[in-house]
Amino acid sequence: MAEPGKSIEDRVRERAYALWEQDGRRNGPSDDYWRQARSEVEAEEAESGNDADGTGKEVATSTAPPDKPAG
């Protein structure tokens, strides 16, 4: 479920970090965590009837991850 006041990028970043931690903080597959996190967050938004940013407007999103989670 979407957290009020959090942007989609913040939610994806937090989810990617959680996935990375759950996977033992392995080096290497960070792009996989970002893709999975974005997919999960966008699925949550679709289920709740919101667009990616929760405003009801179409949003352009990038599949390129920002910096890897700090470790």
PDB file of N, CA and C in Angstrom:
ATOM      1  N   MET A   1       0.843  -1.186   0.000  1.00  0.00           N
ATOM      2  CA  MET A   1       0.000   0.000   0.000  1.00  0.00           C
ATOM      3  C   MET A   1       0.887   1.246   0.000  1.00  0.00           C
ATOM      4  N   ALA A   2       0.498   2.261  -0.733  1.00  0.00           N
ATOM      5  CA  ALA A   2       1.280   3.475  -0.861  1.00  0.00           C
ATOM      6  C   ALA A   2       1.329   4.228   0.462  1.00  0.00           C
ATOM      7  N   GLU A   3       2.492   4.773   0.755  1.00  0.00           N
ATOM      8  CA  GLU A   3       2.646   5.572   1.953  1.00  0.00           C
ATOM      9  C   GLU A   3       2.448   7.030   1.580  1.00  0.00           C
ATOM     10  N   PRO A   4       1.565   7.737   2.304  1.00  0.00           N
ATOM     11  CA  PRO A   4       1.313   9.148   1.994  1.00  0.00           C
ATOM     12  C   PRO A   4       2.591   9.972   2.063  1.00  0.00           C
ATOM     13  N   GLY A   5       2.751  10.857   1.110  1.00  0.00           N
ATOM     14  CA  GLY A   5       3.886  11.757   1.102  1.00  0.00           C
ATOM     15  C   GLY A   5       5.163  11.198   0.496  1.00  0.00           C
ATOM     16  N   LYS A   6       5.186   9.929   0.151  1.00  0.00           N
ATOM     17  CA  LYS A   6       6.385   9.335  -0.448  1.00  0.00           C
ATOM     18  C   LYS A   6       6.244   9.312  -1.955  1.00  0.00           C
ATOM     19  N   SER A   7       7.300   9.731  -2.635  1.00  0.00           N
ATOM     20  CA  SER A   7       7.289   9.687  -4.090  1.00  0.00           C
ATOM     21  C   SER A   7       7.511   8.247  -4.547  1.00  0.00           C
ATOM     22  N   ILE A   8       7.187   7.987  -5.799  1.00  0.00           N
ATOM     23  CA  ILE A   8       7.400   6.645  -6.345  1.00  0.00           C
ATOM     24  C   ILE A   8       8.879   6.285  -6.291  1.00  0.00           C
ATOM     25  N   GLU A   9       9.749   7.242  -6.559  1.00  0.00           N
ATOM     26  CA  GLU A   9      11.188   6.966  -6.541  1.00  0.00           C
ATOM     27  C   GLU A   9      11.653   6.601  -5.133  1.00  0.00           C
ATOM     28  N   ASP A  10      11.134   7.288  -4.116  1.00  0.00           N
ATOM     29  CA  ASP A  10      11.489   6.938  -2.735  1.00  0.00           C
ATOM     30  C   ASP A  10      11.028   5.532  -2.399  1.00  0.00           C
ATOM     31  N   ARG A  11       9.826   5.190  -2.804  1.00  0.00           N
ATOM     32  CA  ARG A  11       9.290   3.865  -2.513  1.00  0.00           C
ATOM     33  C   ARG A  11      10.072   2.776  -3.240  1.00  0.00           C
ATOM     34  N   VAL A  12      10.433   3.029  -4.503  1.00  0.00           N
ATOM     35  CA  VAL A  12      11.222   2.056  -5.265  1.00  0.00           C
ATOM     36  C   VAL A  12      12.594   1.901  -4.622  1.00  0.00           C
ATOM     37  N   ARG A  13      13.212   3.008  -4.247  1.00  0.00           N
ATOM     38  CA  ARG A  13      14.541   2.971  -3.620  1.00  0.00           C
ATOM     39  C   ARG A  13      14.503   2.152  -2.325  1.00  0.00           C
ATOM     40  N   GLU A  14      13.497   2.400  -1.490  1.00  0.00           N
ATOM     41  CA  GLU A  14      13.384   1.665  -0.229  1.00  0.00           C
ATOM     42  C   GLU A  14      13.122   0.177  -0.470  1.00  0.00           C
ATOM     43  N   ARG A  15      12.285  -0.129  -1.454  1.00  0.00           N
ATOM     44  CA  ARG A  15      11.979  -1.538  -1.749  1.00  0.00           C
ATOM     45  C   ARG A  15      13.214  -2.245  -2.317  1.00  0.00           C
ATOM     46  N   ALA A  16      13.947  -1.582  -3.213  1.00  0.00           N
ATOM     47  CA  ALA A  16      15.162  -2.175  -3.779  1.00  0.00           C
ATOM     48  C   ALA A  16      16.175  -2.454  -2.673  1.00  0.00           C
ATOM     49  N   TYR A  17      16.308  -1.527  -1.753  1.00  0.00           N
ATOM     50  CA  TYR A  17      17.236  -1.715  -0.635  1.00  0.00           C
ATOM     51  C   TYR A  17      16.815  -2.911   0.219  1.00  0.00           C
ATOM     52  N   ALA A  18      15.513  -3.024   0.497  1.00  0.00           N
ATOM     53  CA  ALA A  18      15.011  -4.149   1.285  1.00  0.00           C
ATOM     54  C   ALA A  18      15.259  -5.481   0.571  1.00  0.00           C
ATOM     55  N   LEU A  19      15.040  -5.507  -0.734  1.00  0.00           N
ATOM     56  CA  LEU A  19      15.290  -6.730  -1.507  1.00  0.00           C
ATOM     57  C   LEU A  19      16.767  -7.107  -1.452  1.00  0.00           C
ATOM     58  N   TRP A  20      17.633  -6.117  -1.578  1.00  0.00           N
ATOM     59  CA  TRP A  20      19.074  -6.339  -1.526  1.00  0.00           C
ATOM     60  C   TRP A  20      19.480  -6.902  -0.164  1.00  0.00           C
ATOM     61  N   GLU A  21      18.933  -6.315   0.909  1.00  0.00           N
ATOM     62  CA  GLU A  21      19.237  -6.819   2.250  1.00  0.00           C
ATOM     63  C   GLU A  21      18.735  -8.253   2.433  1.00  0.00           C
ATOM     64  N   GLN A  22      17.519  -8.533   1.945  1.00  0.00           N
ATOM     65  CA  GLN A  22      16.952  -9.877   2.076  1.00  0.00           C
ATOM     66  C   GLN A  22      17.794 -10.911   1.334  1.00  0.00           C
ATOM     67  N   ASP A  23      18.490 -10.464   0.310  1.00  0.00           N
ATOM     68  CA  ASP A  23      19.296 -11.371  -0.506  1.00  0.00           C
ATOM     69  C   ASP A  23      20.741 -11.463   0.004  1.00  0.00           C
ATOM     70  N   GLY A  24      20.987 -10.981   1.209  1.00  0.00           N
ATOM     71  CA  GLY A  24      22.312 -11.102   1.802  1.00  0.00           C
ATOM     72  C   GLY A  24      23.298 -10.035   1.392  1.00  0.00           C
ATOM     73  N   ARG A  25      22.804  -8.910   0.866  1.00  0.00           N
ATOM     74  CA  ARG A  25      23.668  -7.782   0.471  1.00  0.00           C
ATOM     75  C   ARG A  25      24.759  -8.193  -0.509  1.00  0.00           C
ATOM     76  N   ARG A  26      24.365  -9.028  -1.475  1.00  0.00           N
ATOM     77  CA  ARG A  26      25.326  -9.499  -2.475  1.00  0.00           C
ATOM     78  C   ARG A  26      25.761  -8.369  -3.399  1.00  0.00           C
ATOM     79  N   ASN A  27      27.002  -8.443  -3.836  1.00  0.00           N
ATOM     80  CA  ASN A  27      27.505  -7.492  -4.833  1.00  0.00           C
ATOM     81  C   ASN A  27      27.075  -7.947  -6.215  1.00  0.00           C
ATOM     82  N   GLY A  28      26.754  -7.004  -7.065  1.00  0.00           N
ATOM     83  CA  GLY A  28      26.509  -7.347  -8.456  1.00  0.00           C
ATOM     84  C   GLY A  28      25.124  -7.095  -9.013  1.00  0.00           C
ATOM     85  N   PRO A  29      24.090  -7.781  -8.525  1.00  0.00           N
ATOM     86  CA  PRO A  29      22.802  -7.732  -9.241  1.00  0.00           C
ATOM     87  C   PRO A  29      21.903  -6.547  -8.876  1.00  0.00           C
ATOM     88  N   SER A  30      22.449  -5.363  -8.626  1.00  0.00           N
ATOM     89  CA  SER A  30      21.633  -4.241  -8.177  1.00  0.00           C
ATOM     90  C   SER A  30      20.543  -3.863  -9.177  1.00  0.00           C
ATOM     91  N   ASP A  31      20.824  -3.974 -10.469  1.00  0.00           N
ATOM     92  CA  ASP A  31      19.800  -3.645 -11.474  1.00  0.00           C
ATOM     93  C   ASP A  31      18.581  -4.542 -11.318  1.00  0.00           C
ATOM     94  N   ASP A  32      18.819  -5.800 -10.966  1.00  0.00           N
ATOM     95  CA  ASP A  32      17.701  -6.727 -10.764  1.00  0.00           C
ATOM     96  C   ASP A  32      16.821  -6.274  -9.610  1.00  0.00           C
ATOM     97  N   TYR A  33      17.418  -5.789  -8.525  1.00  0.00           N
ATOM     98  CA  TYR A  33      16.631  -5.318  -7.379  1.00  0.00           C
ATOM     99  C   TYR A  33      15.805  -4.092  -7.751  1.00  0.00           C
ATOM    100  N   TRP A  34      16.407  -3.192  -8.520  1.00  0.00           N
ATOM    101  CA  TRP A  34      15.686  -1.983  -8.923  1.00  0.00           C
ATOM    102  C   TRP A  34      14.517  -2.333  -9.831  1.00  0.00           C
ATOM    103  N   ARG A  35      14.739  -3.238 -10.771  1.00  0.00           N
ATOM    104  CA  ARG A  35      13.645  -3.629 -11.672  1.00  0.00           C
ATOM    105  C   ARG A  35      12.512  -4.305 -10.902  1.00  0.00           C
ATOM    106  N   GLN A  36      12.869  -5.207 -10.007  1.00  0.00           N
ATOM    107  CA  GLN A  36      11.851  -5.901  -9.228  1.00  0.00           C
ATOM    108  C   GLN A  36      11.102  -4.909  -8.330  1.00  0.00           C
ATOM    109  N   ALA A  37      11.823  -4.008  -7.698  1.00  0.00           N
ATOM    110  CA  ALA A  37      11.193  -3.026  -6.819  1.00  0.00           C
ATOM    111  C   ALA A  37      10.230  -2.137  -7.601  1.00  0.00           C
ATOM    112  N   ARG A  38      10.653  -1.652  -8.765  1.00  0.00           N
ATOM    113  CA  ARG A  38       9.774  -0.792  -9.573  1.00  0.00           C
ATOM    114  C   ARG A  38       8.527  -1.560  -9.977  1.00  0.00           C
ATOM    115  N   SER A  39       8.687  -2.792 -10.377  1.00  0.00           N
ATOM    116  CA  SER A  39       7.557  -3.617 -10.776  1.00  0.00           C
ATOM    117  C   SER A  39       6.576  -3.801  -9.618  1.00  0.00           C
ATOM    118  N   GLU A  40       7.102  -4.073  -8.430  1.00  0.00           N
ATOM    119  CA  GLU A  40       6.234  -4.272  -7.273  1.00  0.00           C
ATOM    120  C   GLU A  40       5.495  -2.996  -6.884  1.00  0.00           C
ATOM    121  N   VAL A  41       6.191  -1.868  -6.887  1.00  0.00           N
ATOM    122  CA  VAL A  41       5.566  -0.599  -6.522  1.00  0.00           C
ATOM    123  C   VAL A  41       4.505  -0.219  -7.558  1.00  0.00           C
ATOM    124  N   GLU A  42       4.811  -0.399  -8.835  1.00  0.00           N
ATOM    125  CA  GLU A  42       3.827  -0.082  -9.872  1.00  0.00           C
ATOM    126  C   GLU A  42       2.613  -1.009  -9.782  1.00  0.00           C
ATOM    127  N   ALA A  43       2.822  -2.276  -9.422  1.00  0.00           N
ATOM    128  CA  ALA A  43       1.703  -3.207  -9.244  1.00  0.00           C
ATOM    129  C   ALA A  43       0.833  -2.771  -8.073  1.00  0.00           C
ATOM    130  N   GLU A  44       1.456  -2.314  -6.987  1.00  0.00           N
ATOM    131  CA  GLU A  44       0.691  -1.803  -5.844  1.00  0.00           C
ATOM    132  C   GLU A  44      -0.171  -0.622  -6.264  1.00  0.00           C
ATOM    133  N   GLU A  45       0.420   0.267  -7.046  1.00  0.00           N
ATOM    134  CA  GLU A  45      -0.316   1.442  -7.505  1.00  0.00           C
ATOM    135  C   GLU A  45      -1.487   1.043  -8.404  1.00  0.00           C
ATOM    136  N   ALA A  46      -1.257   0.076  -9.285  1.00  0.00           N
ATOM    137  CA  ALA A  46      -2.326  -0.374 -10.189  1.00  0.00           C
ATOM    138  C   ALA A  46      -3.471  -0.993  -9.390  1.00  0.00           C
ATOM    139  N   GLU A  47      -3.136  -1.757  -8.354  1.00  0.00           N
ATOM    140  CA  GLU A  47      -4.165  -2.374  -7.520  1.00  0.00           C
ATOM    141  C   GLU A  47      -4.972  -1.331  -6.764  1.00  0.00           C
ATOM    142  N   SER A  48      -4.316  -0.239  -6.373  1.00  0.00           N
ATOM    143  CA  SER A  48      -5.010   0.795  -5.610  1.00  0.00           C
ATOM    144  C   SER A  48      -5.739   1.786  -6.514  1.00  0.00           C
ATOM    145  N   GLY A  49      -5.556   1.637  -7.832  1.00  0.00           N
ATOM    146  CA  GLY A  49      -6.240   2.519  -8.783  1.00  0.00           C
ATOM    147  C   GLY A  49      -5.515   3.816  -9.045  1.00  0.00           C
ATOM    148  N   ASN A  50      -4.295   3.946  -8.558  1.00  0.00           N
ATOM    149  CA  ASN A  50      -3.497   5.148  -8.790  1.00  0.00           C
ATOM    150  C   ASN A  50      -2.524   4.901  -9.921  1.00  0.00           C
ATOM    151  N   ASP A  51      -2.051   6.004 -10.497  1.00  0.00           N
ATOM    152  CA  ASP A  51      -0.953   5.901 -11.443  1.00  0.00           C
ATOM    153  C   ASP A  51       0.326   5.837 -10.628  1.00  0.00           C
ATOM    154  N   ALA A  52       1.444   5.749 -11.289  1.00  0.00           N
ATOM    155  CA  ALA A  52       2.725   5.516 -10.616  1.00  0.00           C
ATOM    156  C   ALA A  52       3.014   6.516  -9.506  1.00  0.00           C
ATOM    157  N   ASP A  53       2.587   7.772  -9.654  1.00  0.00           N
ATOM    158  CA  ASP A  53       2.895   8.736  -8.596  1.00  0.00           C
ATOM    159  C   ASP A  53       1.695   9.038  -7.710  1.00  0.00           C
ATOM    160  N   GLY A  54       0.574   8.350  -7.925  1.00  0.00           N
ATOM    161  CA  GLY A  54      -0.588   8.525  -7.072  1.00  0.00           C
ATOM    162  C   GLY A  54      -1.410   9.768  -7.352  1.00  0.00           C
ATOM    163  N   THR A  55      -1.111  10.485  -8.450  1.00  0.00           N
ATOM    164  CA  THR A  55      -1.837  11.714  -8.736  1.00  0.00           C
ATOM    165  C   THR A  55      -2.973  11.517  -9.723  1.00  0.00           C
ATOM    166  N   GLY A  56      -3.029  10.349 -10.339  1.00  0.00           N
ATOM    167  CA  GLY A  56      -4.036  10.120 -11.369  1.00  0.00           C
ATOM    168  C   GLY A  56      -3.581  10.580 -12.739  1.00  0.00           C
ATOM    169  N   LYS A  57      -2.369  11.134 -12.810  1.00  0.00           N
ATOM    170  CA  LYS A  57      -1.811  11.581 -14.081  1.00  0.00           C
ATOM    171  C   LYS A  57      -0.779  10.579 -14.557  1.00  0.00           C
ATOM    172  N   GLU A  58      -0.628  10.487 -15.871  1.00  0.00           N
ATOM    173  CA  GLU A  58       0.378   9.579 -16.424  1.00  0.00           C
ATOM    174  C   GLU A  58       1.764  10.107 -16.086  1.00  0.00           C
ATOM    175  N   VAL A  59       2.646   9.186 -15.720  1.00  0.00           N
ATOM    176  CA  VAL A  59       3.987   9.565 -15.308  1.00  0.00           C
ATOM    177  C   VAL A  59       5.007   8.806 -16.138  1.00  0.00           C
ATOM    178  N   ALA A  60       6.009   9.521 -16.623  1.00  0.00           N
ATOM    179  CA  ALA A  60       7.111   8.864 -17.332  1.00  0.00           C
ATOM    180  C   ALA A  60       8.078   8.341 -16.288  1.00  0.00           C
ATOM    181  N   THR A  61       8.449   7.069 -16.410  1.00  0.00           N
ATOM    182  CA  THR A  61       9.379   6.495 -15.449  1.00  0.00           C
ATOM    183  C   THR A  61      10.577   5.927 -16.184  1.00  0.00           C
ATOM    184  N   SER A  62      11.690   5.964 -15.519  1.00  0.00           N
ATOM    185  CA  SER A  62      12.920   5.419 -16.075  1.00  0.00           C
ATOM    186  C   SER A  62      13.159   4.043 -15.493  1.00  0.00           C
ATOM    187  N   THR A  63      13.688   3.125 -16.288  1.00  0.00           N
ATOM    188  CA  THR A  63      14.033   1.817 -15.771  1.00  0.00           C
ATOM    189  C   THR A  63      15.468   1.772 -15.291  1.00  0.00           C
ATOM    190  N   ALA A  64      16.203   2.848 -15.523  1.00  0.00           N
ATOM    191  CA  ALA A  64      17.597   2.886 -15.079  1.00  0.00           C
ATOM    192  C   ALA A  64      17.626   3.179 -13.583  1.00  0.00           C
ATOM    193  N   PRO A  65      18.319   2.347 -12.815  1.00  0.00           N
ATOM    194  CA  PRO A  65      18.360   2.577 -11.374  1.00  0.00           C
ATOM    195  C   PRO A  65      19.287   3.724 -11.014  1.00  0.00           C
ATOM    196  N   PRO A  66      18.940   4.470  -9.938  1.00  0.00           N
ATOM    197  CA  PRO A  66      19.903   5.443  -9.448  1.00  0.00           C
ATOM    198  C   PRO A  66      21.066   4.673  -8.814  1.00  0.00           C
ATOM    199  N   ASP A  67      21.890   5.330  -8.041  1.00  0.00           N
ATOM    200  CA  ASP A  67      23.027   4.658  -7.411  1.00  0.00           C
ATOM    201  C   ASP A  67      22.580   3.430  -6.640  1.00  0.00           C
ATOM    202  N   LYS A  68      23.492   2.463  -6.556  1.00  0.00           N
ATOM    203  CA  LYS A  68      23.221   1.249  -5.793  1.00  0.00           C
ATOM    204  C   LYS A  68      22.977   1.608  -4.330  1.00  0.00           C
ATOM    205  N   PRO A  69      22.199   0.783  -3.620  1.00  0.00           N
ATOM    206  CA  PRO A  69      22.033   1.009  -2.187  1.00  0.00           C
ATOM    207  C   PRO A  69      23.391   0.959  -1.487  1.00  0.00           C
ATOM    208  N   ALA A  70      23.541   1.830  -0.511  1.00  0.00           N
ATOM    209  CA  ALA A  70      24.795   1.863   0.236  1.00  0.00           C
ATOM    210  C   ALA A  70      24.961   0.569   1.022  1.00  0.00           C
ATOM    211  N   GLY A  71      26.155   0.120   1.154  1.00  0.00           N
ATOM    212  CA  GLY A  71      26.362  -1.133   1.856  1.00  0.00           C
ATOM    213  C   GLY A  71      27.480  -1.056   2.739  1.00  0.00           C
TER     214      GLY A  71
END
